[in-house]
């Protein structure tokens, strides 16, 4: 199996309103997110790629136009915008465009990662 990954960055705020008031994530706060999309294929295409990295430009556009410098609770219309759910939302976006999408990882901090992998 061949696997490729590409990393994307954006900054955004969110608030986990369902958490107790004394939980720090219940307050409005922001992160410098890192997103990694992974694509996999058993065979390479005619150019020797799983997917040409340049073909992932729609994901960069989506991140830049819809997520970067936004309040994610407003983007996704719910109060539980966790890294886990963000990974699933981005995975769904990617899978609809590239069948080879195998996983999406999202980092809020240098020490934390959430992954969605079916």
N, C-alpha and C. Protein backbone atom coordinates (compact mmCIF):
# COMPACT_ATOMS: atom_id res chain seq x y z
N UNK A 1 0.85 -1.18 0.00
CA UNK A 1 0.00 0.00 0.00
C UNK A 1 0.89 1.24 0.00
N UNK A 2 0.59 2.15 -0.88
CA UNK A 2 1.29 3.44 -0.92
C UNK A 2 0.48 4.46 -0.12
N UNK A 3 1.17 5.30 0.64
CA UNK A 3 0.50 6.34 1.43
C UNK A 3 1.23 7.66 1.23
N UNK A 4 0.44 8.73 1.12
CA UNK A 4 1.00 10.08 1.11
C UNK A 4 0.25 10.91 2.14
N UNK A 5 0.89 11.94 2.64
CA UNK A 5 0.22 12.89 3.53
C UNK A 5 0.59 14.30 3.10
N UNK A 6 -0.30 15.20 3.40
CA UNK A 6 -0.01 16.62 3.19
C UNK A 6 -0.55 17.37 4.39
N UNK A 7 0.20 18.38 4.80
CA UNK A 7 -0.11 19.16 5.99
C UNK A 7 -0.64 20.54 5.60
N UNK A 8 -1.64 20.99 6.35
CA UNK A 8 -2.24 22.30 6.16
C UNK A 8 -2.34 22.98 7.52
N UNK A 9 -2.34 24.31 7.53
CA UNK A 9 -2.39 25.08 8.78
C UNK A 9 -3.50 26.12 8.71
N UNK A 10 -4.14 26.36 9.84
CA UNK A 10 -5.08 27.47 9.95
C UNK A 10 -5.26 27.84 11.42
N UNK A 11 -5.76 29.04 11.64
CA UNK A 11 -6.03 29.52 13.00
C UNK A 11 -7.53 29.77 13.11
N UNK A 12 -8.10 29.34 14.23
CA UNK A 12 -9.54 29.52 14.43
C UNK A 12 -9.86 29.43 15.91
N UNK A 13 -11.05 29.91 16.27
CA UNK A 13 -11.52 29.81 17.64
C UNK A 13 -12.64 28.78 17.73
N UNK A 14 -12.91 28.33 18.93
CA UNK A 14 -14.08 27.50 19.22
C UNK A 14 -14.35 27.57 20.71
N UNK A 15 -15.47 27.02 21.09
CA UNK A 15 -15.87 27.00 22.49
C UNK A 15 -16.67 25.73 22.72
N UNK A 16 -16.31 24.98 23.74
CA UNK A 16 -17.03 23.75 24.06
C UNK A 16 -18.02 24.05 25.18
N UNK A 17 -19.15 24.61 24.78
CA UNK A 17 -20.14 25.14 25.72
C UNK A 17 -20.79 24.07 26.59
N UNK A 18 -20.72 22.82 26.20
CA UNK A 18 -21.35 21.75 26.97
C UNK A 18 -20.51 21.33 28.18
N UNK A 19 -19.29 21.81 28.28
CA UNK A 19 -18.42 21.44 29.39
C UNK A 19 -18.72 22.29 30.62
N UNK A 20 -18.36 21.82 31.81
CA UNK A 20 -18.58 22.61 33.03
C UNK A 20 -17.85 23.97 32.94
N UNK A 21 -18.40 24.96 33.61
CA UNK A 21 -17.85 26.32 33.56
C UNK A 21 -16.39 26.39 33.99
N UNK A 22 -15.95 25.48 34.86
CA UNK A 22 -14.57 25.54 35.34
C UNK A 22 -13.59 24.84 34.39
N UNK A 23 -14.08 24.25 33.31
CA UNK A 23 -13.21 23.61 32.33
C UNK A 23 -12.66 24.69 31.40
N UNK A 24 -11.34 24.75 31.16
CA UNK A 24 -10.78 25.82 30.33
C UNK A 24 -11.33 25.84 28.90
N UNK A 25 -11.72 24.69 28.37
CA UNK A 25 -12.24 24.65 27.01
C UNK A 25 -13.68 25.13 26.91
N UNK A 26 -14.32 25.37 28.05
CA UNK A 26 -15.67 25.94 28.03
C UNK A 26 -15.62 27.43 27.69
N UNK A 27 -14.45 28.03 27.86
CA UNK A 27 -14.29 29.44 27.51
C UNK A 27 -13.94 29.57 26.03
N UNK A 28 -14.28 30.68 25.45
CA UNK A 28 -13.90 30.97 24.07
C UNK A 28 -12.37 30.98 23.99
N UNK A 29 -11.82 30.24 23.05
CA UNK A 29 -10.37 30.18 22.89
C UNK A 29 -10.03 29.78 21.46
N UNK A 30 -8.77 29.90 21.11
CA UNK A 30 -8.36 29.59 19.75
C UNK A 30 -7.14 28.70 19.70
N UNK A 31 -6.90 28.19 18.51
CA UNK A 31 -5.76 27.31 18.27
C UNK A 31 -5.14 27.64 16.92
N UNK A 32 -3.89 27.29 16.79
CA UNK A 32 -3.22 27.24 15.49
C UNK A 32 -3.25 25.78 15.07
N UNK A 33 -4.26 25.43 14.30
CA UNK A 33 -4.51 24.04 13.93
C UNK A 33 -3.53 23.57 12.86
N UNK A 34 -3.22 22.29 12.94
CA UNK A 34 -2.49 21.60 11.88
C UNK A 34 -3.38 20.44 11.44
N UNK A 35 -3.58 20.33 10.15
CA UNK A 35 -4.37 19.24 9.57
C UNK A 35 -3.46 18.43 8.67
N UNK A 36 -3.51 17.12 8.84
CA UNK A 36 -2.79 16.21 7.94
C UNK A 36 -3.83 15.33 7.25
N UNK A 37 -3.82 15.33 5.94
CA UNK A 37 -4.68 14.41 5.19
C UNK A 37 -3.78 13.29 4.66
N UNK A 38 -4.26 12.07 4.80
CA UNK A 38 -3.54 10.89 4.32
C UNK A 38 -4.36 10.25 3.21
N UNK A 39 -3.70 9.90 2.13
CA UNK A 39 -4.33 9.21 1.02
C UNK A 39 -3.54 7.93 0.74
N UNK A 40 -4.24 6.87 0.37
CA UNK A 40 -3.58 5.58 0.17
C UNK A 40 -4.12 4.89 -1.08
N UNK A 41 -3.25 4.12 -1.72
CA UNK A 41 -3.66 3.34 -2.89
C UNK A 41 -2.75 2.12 -3.02
N UNK A 42 -3.33 1.05 -3.50
CA UNK A 42 -2.54 -0.15 -3.74
C UNK A 42 -1.71 -0.01 -5.01
N UNK A 43 -2.19 0.78 -5.95
CA UNK A 43 -1.49 1.00 -7.21
C UNK A 43 -1.30 2.50 -7.42
N UNK A 44 -0.23 2.86 -8.07
CA UNK A 44 0.01 4.25 -8.41
C UNK A 44 -0.64 4.58 -9.74
N UNK A 45 -0.94 5.86 -9.95
CA UNK A 45 -1.54 6.27 -11.22
C UNK A 45 -0.47 6.29 -12.32
N UNK A 46 -0.86 6.70 -13.50
CA UNK A 46 0.05 6.69 -14.66
C UNK A 46 1.26 7.59 -14.46
N UNK A 47 1.16 8.58 -13.55
CA UNK A 47 2.28 9.48 -13.26
C UNK A 47 3.13 9.01 -12.09
N UNK A 48 2.77 7.87 -11.50
CA UNK A 48 3.53 7.36 -10.36
C UNK A 48 3.10 7.94 -9.03
N UNK A 49 1.89 8.49 -8.97
CA UNK A 49 1.37 9.13 -7.75
C UNK A 49 0.21 8.32 -7.15
N UNK A 50 0.03 8.45 -5.84
CA UNK A 50 -1.24 8.09 -5.22
C UNK A 50 -2.25 9.14 -5.69
N UNK A 51 -1.94 10.39 -5.42
CA UNK A 51 -2.64 11.57 -5.92
C UNK A 51 -1.57 12.64 -6.06
N UNK A 52 -1.62 13.40 -7.11
CA UNK A 52 -0.70 14.52 -7.26
C UNK A 52 -0.98 15.53 -6.15
N UNK A 53 0.03 15.90 -5.39
CA UNK A 53 -0.16 16.86 -4.29
C UNK A 53 -0.85 18.13 -4.77
N UNK A 54 -0.58 18.53 -5.99
CA UNK A 54 -1.21 19.74 -6.53
C UNK A 54 -2.72 19.59 -6.64
N UNK A 55 -3.20 18.37 -6.78
CA UNK A 55 -4.64 18.13 -6.89
C UNK A 55 -5.37 18.34 -5.56
N UNK A 56 -4.62 18.51 -4.48
CA UNK A 56 -5.23 18.75 -3.16
C UNK A 56 -5.53 20.22 -2.92
N UNK A 57 -5.33 21.05 -3.92
CA UNK A 57 -5.59 22.49 -3.77
C UNK A 57 -7.01 22.80 -3.29
N UNK A 58 -8.06 22.06 -3.68
CA UNK A 58 -9.40 22.37 -3.15
C UNK A 58 -9.47 22.27 -1.62
N UNK A 59 -8.66 21.41 -1.01
CA UNK A 59 -8.65 21.34 0.45
C UNK A 59 -8.02 22.60 1.02
N UNK A 60 -6.94 23.07 0.44
CA UNK A 60 -6.33 24.32 0.90
C UNK A 60 -7.32 25.47 0.77
N UNK A 61 -8.01 25.52 -0.35
CA UNK A 61 -9.00 26.58 -0.57
C UNK A 61 -10.11 26.51 0.48
N UNK A 62 -10.61 25.30 0.74
CA UNK A 62 -11.66 25.11 1.75
C UNK A 62 -11.17 25.59 3.12
N UNK A 63 -9.99 25.18 3.51
CA UNK A 63 -9.44 25.57 4.81
C UNK A 63 -9.26 27.09 4.87
N UNK A 64 -8.67 27.67 3.84
CA UNK A 64 -8.41 29.11 3.83
C UNK A 64 -9.69 29.93 3.83
N UNK A 65 -10.69 29.49 3.07
CA UNK A 65 -11.90 30.31 2.91
C UNK A 65 -12.98 30.03 3.94
N UNK A 66 -13.04 28.78 4.45
CA UNK A 66 -14.14 28.41 5.34
C UNK A 66 -13.75 28.25 6.81
N UNK A 67 -12.47 27.95 7.09
CA UNK A 67 -12.06 27.65 8.46
C UNK A 67 -11.10 28.67 9.04
N UNK A 68 -10.18 29.17 8.25
CA UNK A 68 -9.13 30.05 8.77
C UNK A 68 -9.72 31.36 9.30
N UNK A 69 -9.29 31.70 10.51
CA UNK A 69 -9.73 32.92 11.20
C UNK A 69 -11.25 33.00 11.31
N UNK A 70 -11.86 31.85 11.62
CA UNK A 70 -13.31 31.76 11.85
C UNK A 70 -13.56 31.22 13.25
N UNK A 71 -14.80 31.41 13.69
CA UNK A 71 -15.26 30.78 14.93
C UNK A 71 -15.93 29.48 14.50
N UNK A 72 -15.31 28.35 14.81
CA UNK A 72 -15.75 27.06 14.27
C UNK A 72 -17.15 26.67 14.71
N UNK A 73 -17.60 27.15 15.88
CA UNK A 73 -18.98 26.88 16.29
C UNK A 73 -19.97 27.46 15.28
N UNK A 74 -19.63 28.59 14.70
CA UNK A 74 -20.50 29.20 13.68
C UNK A 74 -20.40 28.46 12.35
N UNK A 75 -19.22 27.96 12.02
CA UNK A 75 -19.03 27.24 10.76
C UNK A 75 -19.81 25.93 10.76
N UNK A 76 -19.77 25.20 11.87
CA UNK A 76 -20.39 23.88 11.92
C UNK A 76 -21.72 23.86 12.66
N UNK A 77 -22.16 25.00 13.14
CA UNK A 77 -23.49 25.17 13.75
C UNK A 77 -23.77 24.23 14.91
N UNK A 78 -22.77 23.96 15.70
CA UNK A 78 -23.03 23.24 16.95
C UNK A 78 -21.94 23.58 17.96
N UNK A 79 -22.18 23.23 19.22
CA UNK A 79 -21.31 23.63 20.32
C UNK A 79 -20.26 22.58 20.68
N UNK A 80 -20.14 21.53 19.90
CA UNK A 80 -19.19 20.48 20.23
C UNK A 80 -18.18 20.31 19.11
N UNK A 81 -17.50 21.39 18.77
CA UNK A 81 -16.49 21.36 17.71
C UNK A 81 -15.16 20.93 18.35
N UNK A 82 -15.00 19.64 18.49
CA UNK A 82 -13.77 19.08 19.04
C UNK A 82 -12.82 18.75 17.89
N UNK A 83 -11.59 18.47 18.21
CA UNK A 83 -10.63 18.05 17.18
C UNK A 83 -11.08 16.76 16.51
N UNK A 84 -11.68 15.88 17.29
CA UNK A 84 -12.17 14.62 16.74
C UNK A 84 -13.23 14.87 15.67
N UNK A 85 -14.17 15.76 15.99
CA UNK A 85 -15.24 16.05 15.02
C UNK A 85 -14.71 16.85 13.83
N UNK A 86 -13.76 17.71 14.08
CA UNK A 86 -13.16 18.47 12.99
C UNK A 86 -12.43 17.53 12.03
N UNK A 87 -11.74 16.53 12.57
CA UNK A 87 -11.08 15.54 11.73
C UNK A 87 -12.10 14.81 10.84
N UNK A 88 -13.24 14.47 11.39
CA UNK A 88 -14.29 13.78 10.62
C UNK A 88 -14.87 14.70 9.55
N UNK A 89 -15.13 15.96 9.89
CA UNK A 89 -15.67 16.92 8.91
C UNK A 89 -14.70 17.07 7.73
N UNK A 90 -13.42 17.21 8.02
CA UNK A 90 -12.44 17.39 6.96
C UNK A 90 -12.26 16.10 6.17
N UNK A 91 -12.30 14.96 6.86
CA UNK A 91 -12.24 13.67 6.18
C UNK A 91 -13.39 13.57 5.16
N UNK A 92 -14.60 13.89 5.59
CA UNK A 92 -15.75 13.80 4.69
C UNK A 92 -15.57 14.70 3.46
N UNK A 93 -15.06 15.91 3.68
CA UNK A 93 -14.78 16.83 2.57
C UNK A 93 -13.80 16.16 1.59
N UNK A 94 -12.74 15.58 2.12
CA UNK A 94 -11.70 14.97 1.28
C UNK A 94 -12.21 13.72 0.58
N UNK A 95 -12.89 12.87 1.31
CA UNK A 95 -13.35 11.59 0.74
C UNK A 95 -14.31 11.83 -0.42
N UNK A 96 -15.10 12.90 -0.36
CA UNK A 96 -16.02 13.23 -1.45
C UNK A 96 -15.26 13.64 -2.72
N UNK A 97 -14.02 14.03 -2.58
CA UNK A 97 -13.23 14.50 -3.72
C UNK A 97 -12.15 13.50 -4.15
N UNK A 98 -11.59 12.79 -3.20
CA UNK A 98 -10.51 11.84 -3.50
C UNK A 98 -10.82 10.51 -2.82
N UNK A 99 -11.15 9.53 -3.61
CA UNK A 99 -11.49 8.21 -3.08
C UNK A 99 -10.35 7.61 -2.27
N UNK A 100 -9.13 8.03 -2.55
CA UNK A 100 -7.95 7.48 -1.87
C UNK A 100 -7.80 8.00 -0.44
N UNK A 101 -8.63 8.93 0.00
CA UNK A 101 -8.52 9.48 1.35
C UNK A 101 -8.66 8.34 2.36
N UNK A 102 -7.69 8.22 3.25
CA UNK A 102 -7.71 7.14 4.24
C UNK A 102 -7.77 7.64 5.68
N UNK A 103 -7.36 8.88 5.94
CA UNK A 103 -7.39 9.40 7.30
C UNK A 103 -7.16 10.90 7.29
N UNK A 104 -7.62 11.54 8.35
CA UNK A 104 -7.33 12.94 8.60
C UNK A 104 -6.96 13.07 10.07
N UNK A 105 -5.87 13.79 10.32
CA UNK A 105 -5.42 14.09 11.69
C UNK A 105 -5.50 15.59 11.90
N UNK A 106 -5.88 15.98 13.11
CA UNK A 106 -5.98 17.39 13.47
C UNK A 106 -5.25 17.60 14.79
N UNK A 107 -4.41 18.63 14.82
CA UNK A 107 -3.70 19.01 16.03
C UNK A 107 -4.13 20.40 16.46
N UNK A 108 -4.42 20.53 17.76
CA UNK A 108 -4.70 21.85 18.35
C UNK A 108 -3.47 22.43 19.02
N UNK A 109 -2.62 21.56 19.51
CA UNK A 109 -1.41 21.98 20.21
C UNK A 109 -0.27 21.05 19.76
N UNK A 110 0.97 21.44 20.00
CA UNK A 110 2.09 20.59 19.58
C UNK A 110 2.08 19.19 20.20
N UNK A 111 1.34 19.00 21.28
CA UNK A 111 1.36 17.71 21.97
C UNK A 111 0.08 16.89 21.79
N UNK A 112 -0.90 17.41 21.04
CA UNK A 112 -2.17 16.68 20.93
C UNK A 112 -2.58 16.49 19.48
N UNK A 113 -3.10 15.30 19.18
CA UNK A 113 -3.60 14.96 17.85
C UNK A 113 -4.89 14.16 17.99
N UNK A 114 -5.83 14.41 17.09
CA UNK A 114 -7.03 13.59 16.95
C UNK A 114 -7.03 13.08 15.53
N UNK A 115 -7.49 11.85 15.34
CA UNK A 115 -7.49 11.25 14.01
C UNK A 115 -8.84 10.63 13.72
N UNK A 116 -9.31 10.82 12.49
CA UNK A 116 -10.45 10.04 12.00
C UNK A 116 -9.94 9.14 10.88
N UNK A 117 -10.16 7.84 11.08
CA UNK A 117 -9.76 6.82 10.11
C UNK A 117 -10.85 5.74 10.15
N UNK A 118 -11.60 5.60 9.05
CA UNK A 118 -12.68 4.59 9.08
C UNK A 118 -12.14 3.17 9.24
